[in-house]
């Protein structure tokens, strides 16, 4: 009895077990002769996923490389097009590398924001396969 009405934590559901029938043949000696009895036994085995953890990390590694390649493609393409976009507009420069720093920051921010949906999609495909 709980005087404070604390709710108990819900337990994690156990993994589903696959059940299948297995026919077992046994030989029984009787008084007159030998007889063969077929028994049907229900066998429960844990449902083990087909992919092991090493295969899962290999898939994660491939997806991570794809995301990095996509980010680098966006970063380089944006970095190369920024000078043409800012061609007619003056940029206030206070130091020798201020213009380069400005271009790189803009390219990083736009590269991350454009590659983020691709990253989310690839991570969701990994999570979705593990949820089955």
C-alpha atoms as a PDB file:
ATOM      1  CA  UNK A   1       0.000   0.000   0.000  1.00  0.00           C
ATOM      2  CA  UNK A   2       1.406   3.318  -1.063  1.00  0.00           C
ATOM      3  CA  UNK A   3       0.142   6.287   1.005  1.00  0.00           C
ATOM      4  CA  UNK A   4       1.612   8.807  -1.433  1.00  0.00           C
ATOM      5  CA  UNK A   5       0.086   7.219  -4.571  1.00  0.00           C
ATOM      6  CA  UNK A   6       3.381   6.958  -6.388  1.00  0.00           C
ATOM      7  CA  UNK A   7       3.026   5.415  -9.779  1.00  0.00           C
ATOM      8  CA  UNK A   8       5.251   2.479 -10.430  1.00  0.00           C
ATOM      9  CA  UNK A   9       7.472   2.631 -13.463  1.00  0.00           C
ATOM     10  CA  UNK A  10       6.289   0.640 -16.409  1.00  0.00           C
ATOM     11  CA  UNK A  11       8.516  -2.264 -17.264  1.00  0.00           C
ATOM     12  CA  UNK A  12      10.167  -2.581 -20.592  1.00  0.00           C
ATOM     13  CA  UNK A  13       8.292  -5.083 -22.713  1.00  0.00           C
ATOM     14  CA  UNK A  14      10.224  -8.248 -23.308  1.00  0.00           C
ATOM     15  CA  UNK A  15      11.350  -9.077 -26.798  1.00  0.00           C
ATOM     16  CA  UNK A  16       8.929 -11.173 -28.769  1.00  0.00           C
ATOM     17  CA  UNK A  17       9.790 -14.805 -29.006  1.00  0.00           C
ATOM     18  CA  UNK A  18       9.077 -16.783 -32.107  1.00  0.00           C
ATOM     19  CA  UNK A  19       7.352 -20.085 -31.481  1.00  0.00           C
ATOM     20  CA  UNK A  20       7.350 -22.980 -33.847  1.00  0.00           C
ATOM     21  CA  UNK A  21       6.449 -26.639 -33.677  1.00  0.00           C
ATOM     22  CA  UNK A  22       9.108 -29.290 -33.625  1.00  0.00           C
ATOM     23  CA  UNK A  23       8.412 -32.952 -34.216  1.00  0.00           C
ATOM     24  CA  UNK A  24      10.444 -35.244 -31.975  1.00  0.00           C
ATOM     25  CA  UNK A  25      10.683 -38.932 -32.696  1.00  0.00           C
ATOM     26  CA  UNK A  26      11.219 -41.201 -29.697  1.00  0.00           C
ATOM     27  CA  UNK A  27      11.460 -44.952 -29.491  1.00  0.00           C
ATOM     28  CA  UNK A  28       9.587 -46.677 -26.699  1.00  0.00           C
ATOM     29  CA  UNK A  29       9.959 -50.346 -25.777  1.00  0.00           C
ATOM     30  CA  UNK A  30       6.738 -52.030 -24.862  1.00  0.00           C
ATOM     31  CA  UNK A  31       6.111 -55.538 -23.591  1.00  0.00           C
ATOM     32  CA  UNK A  32       5.365 -56.900 -27.062  1.00  0.00           C
ATOM     33  CA  UNK A  33       7.605 -54.878 -29.398  1.00  0.00           C
ATOM     34  CA  UNK A  34       9.228 -51.500 -30.049  1.00  0.00           C
ATOM     35  CA  UNK A  35       6.987 -48.606 -30.966  1.00  0.00           C
ATOM     36  CA  UNK A  36       7.870 -45.225 -32.370  1.00  0.00           C
ATOM     37  CA  UNK A  37       6.012 -42.238 -30.964  1.00  0.00           C
ATOM     38  CA  UNK A  38       5.946 -38.871 -32.651  1.00  0.00           C
ATOM     39  CA  UNK A  39       5.577 -35.958 -30.280  1.00  0.00           C
ATOM     40  CA  UNK A  40       4.829 -32.380 -31.194  1.00  0.00           C
ATOM     41  CA  UNK A  41       6.763 -29.991 -28.995  1.00  0.00           C
ATOM     42  CA  UNK A  42       6.375 -26.193 -28.929  1.00  0.00           C
ATOM     43  CA  UNK A  43       9.809 -24.614 -28.972  1.00  0.00           C
ATOM     44  CA  UNK A  44      10.330 -20.963 -28.055  1.00  0.00           C
ATOM     45  CA  UNK A  45      13.384 -19.179 -29.346  1.00  0.00           C
ATOM     46  CA  UNK A  46      14.302 -15.535 -28.840  1.00  0.00           C
ATOM     47  CA  UNK A  47      13.754 -13.336 -31.847  1.00  0.00           C
ATOM     48  CA  UNK A  48      17.331 -12.389 -32.691  1.00  0.00           C
ATOM     49  CA  UNK A  49      17.687  -9.598 -35.254  1.00  0.00           C
ATOM     50  CA  UNK A  50      19.401 -10.592 -38.465  1.00  0.00           C
ATOM     51  CA  UNK A  51      21.915  -7.766 -38.282  1.00  0.00           C
ATOM     52  CA  UNK A  52      24.550  -7.957 -35.626  1.00  0.00           C
ATOM     53  CA  UNK A  53      25.924  -4.875 -33.934  1.00  0.00           C
ATOM     54  CA  UNK A  54      29.004  -4.833 -36.131  1.00  0.00           C
ATOM     55  CA  UNK A  55      26.862  -4.795 -39.256  1.00  0.00           C
ATOM     56  CA  UNK A  56      24.764  -2.002 -37.759  1.00  0.00           C
ATOM     57  CA  UNK A  57      27.835   0.112 -37.021  1.00  0.00           C
ATOM     58  CA  UNK A  58      29.096  -0.530 -40.559  1.00  0.00           C
ATOM     59  CA  UNK A  59      25.800   0.806 -41.951  1.00  0.00           C
ATOM     60  CA  UNK A  60      26.007   3.797 -39.598  1.00  0.00           C
ATOM     61  CA  UNK A  61      29.569   4.444 -40.793  1.00  0.00           C
ATOM     62  CA  UNK A  62      28.481   4.416 -44.454  1.00  0.00           C
ATOM     63  CA  UNK A  63      25.574   6.768 -43.761  1.00  0.00           C
ATOM     64  CA  UNK A  64      27.841   9.138 -41.825  1.00  0.00           C
ATOM     65  CA  UNK A  65      30.274   9.271 -44.750  1.00  0.00           C
ATOM     66  CA  UNK A  66      27.353  10.095 -47.076  1.00  0.00           C
ATOM     67  CA  UNK A  67      26.252  12.942 -44.805  1.00  0.00           C
ATOM     68  CA  UNK A  68      29.787  14.361 -44.599  1.00  0.00           C
ATOM     69  CA  UNK A  69      30.156  14.147 -48.384  1.00  0.00           C
ATOM     70  CA  UNK A  70      26.832  15.963 -48.830  1.00  0.00           C
ATOM     71  CA  UNK A  71      27.906  18.699 -46.400  1.00  0.00           C
ATOM     72  CA  UNK A  72      31.244  19.135 -48.178  1.00  0.00           C
ATOM     73  CA  UNK A  73      29.502  19.340 -51.555  1.00  0.00           C
ATOM     74  CA  UNK A  74      27.178  22.088 -50.277  1.00  0.00           C
ATOM     75  CA  UNK A  75      30.040  23.855 -48.486  1.00  0.00           C
ATOM     76  CA  UNK A  76      32.304  23.963 -51.545  1.00  0.00           C
ATOM     77  CA  UNK A  77      29.538  24.968 -53.941  1.00  0.00           C
ATOM     78  CA  UNK A  78      28.376  27.785 -51.659  1.00  0.00           C
ATOM     79  CA  UNK A  79      31.946  28.910 -50.991  1.00  0.00           C
ATOM     80  CA  UNK A  80      32.571  29.176 -54.716  1.00  0.00           C
ATOM     81  CA  UNK A  81      29.332  31.090 -55.452  1.00  0.00           C
ATOM     82  CA  UNK A  82      29.411  33.649 -52.605  1.00  0.00           C
ATOM     83  CA  UNK A  83      31.861  36.010 -54.398  1.00  0.00           C
ATOM     84  CA  UNK A  84      29.490  36.170 -57.374  1.00  0.00           C
ATOM     85  CA  UNK A  85      26.478  36.896 -55.137  1.00  0.00           C
ATOM     86  CA  UNK A  86      28.251  39.715 -53.276  1.00  0.00           C
ATOM     87  CA  UNK A  87      29.860  41.155 -56.410  1.00  0.00           C
ATOM     88  CA  UNK A  88      28.002  44.487 -56.534  1.00  0.00           C
ATOM     89  CA  UNK A  89      27.633  44.976 -52.770  1.00  0.00           C
ATOM     90  CA  UNK A  90      30.358  46.459 -50.571  1.00  0.00           C
ATOM     91  CA  UNK A  91      31.596  44.363 -47.622  1.00  0.00           C
ATOM     92  CA  UNK A  92      33.111  46.191 -44.647  1.00  0.00           C
ATOM     93  CA  UNK A  93      36.555  44.721 -44.015  1.00  0.00           C
ATOM     94  CA  UNK A  94      38.452  45.460 -40.812  1.00  0.00           C
ATOM     95  CA  UNK A  95      41.314  42.962 -41.220  1.00  0.00           C
ATOM     96  CA  UNK A  96      43.210  41.108 -43.926  1.00  0.00           C
ATOM     97  CA  UNK A  97      41.293  37.817 -43.561  1.00  0.00           C
ATOM     98  CA  UNK A  98      37.904  39.307 -42.667  1.00  0.00           C
ATOM     99  CA  UNK A  99      36.470  38.676 -46.137  1.00  0.00           C
ATOM    100  CA  UNK A 100      37.648  35.046 -46.188  1.00  0.00           C
ATOM    101  CA  UNK A 101      36.308  34.496 -42.658  1.00  0.00           C
ATOM    102  CA  UNK A 102      32.942  35.958 -43.698  1.00  0.00           C
ATOM    103  CA  UNK A 103      32.753  33.664 -46.750  1.00  0.00           C
ATOM    104  CA  UNK A 104      33.655  30.568 -44.740  1.00  0.00           C
ATOM    105  CA  UNK A 105      31.123  31.282 -41.956  1.00  0.00           C
ATOM    106  CA  UNK A 106      28.335  31.837 -44.488  1.00  0.00           C
ATOM    107  CA  UNK A 107      29.323  28.650 -46.356  1.00  0.00           C
ATOM    108  CA  UNK A 108      29.366  26.574 -43.132  1.00  0.00           C
ATOM    109  CA  UNK A 109      25.983  27.836 -41.956  1.00  0.00           C
ATOM    110  CA  UNK A 110      24.300  27.349 -45.332  1.00  0.00           C
ATOM    111  CA  UNK A 111      26.026  23.983 -45.859  1.00  0.00           C
ATOM    112  CA  UNK A 112      24.806  22.678 -42.495  1.00  0.00           C
ATOM    113  CA  UNK A 113      21.285  23.977 -43.014  1.00  0.00           C
ATOM    114  CA  UNK A 114      21.027  22.458 -46.506  1.00  0.00           C
ATOM    115  CA  UNK A 115      22.504  19.078 -45.516  1.00  0.00           C
ATOM    116  CA  UNK A 116      20.432  18.737 -42.314  1.00  0.00           C
ATOM    117  CA  UNK A 117      17.332  17.216 -44.025  1.00  0.00           C
ATOM    118  CA  UNK A 118      19.565  14.678 -45.765  1.00  0.00           C
ATOM    119  CA  UNK A 119      21.151  13.805 -42.387  1.00  0.00           C
ATOM    120  CA  UNK A 120      17.756  13.395 -40.710  1.00  0.00           C
ATOM    121  CA  UNK A 121      16.493  11.157 -43.526  1.00  0.00           C
ATOM    122  CA  UNK A 122      19.524   8.857 -43.418  1.00  0.00           C
ATOM    123  CA  UNK A 123      19.436   8.574 -39.638  1.00  0.00           C
ATOM    124  CA  UNK A 124      15.721   7.784 -39.775  1.00  0.00           C
ATOM    125  CA  UNK A 125      16.354   4.939 -42.244  1.00  0.00           C
ATOM    126  CA  UNK A 126      18.833   3.437 -39.763  1.00  0.00           C
ATOM    127  CA  UNK A 127      16.454   3.820 -36.823  1.00  0.00           C
ATOM    128  CA  UNK A 128      13.500   2.451 -38.799  1.00  0.00           C
ATOM    129  CA  UNK A 129      15.352  -0.748 -39.724  1.00  0.00           C
ATOM    130  CA  UNK A 130      16.328  -1.337 -36.087  1.00  0.00           C
ATOM    131  CA  UNK A 131      12.749  -0.843 -34.854  1.00  0.00           C
ATOM    132  CA  UNK A 132      11.420  -3.768 -36.894  1.00  0.00           C
END
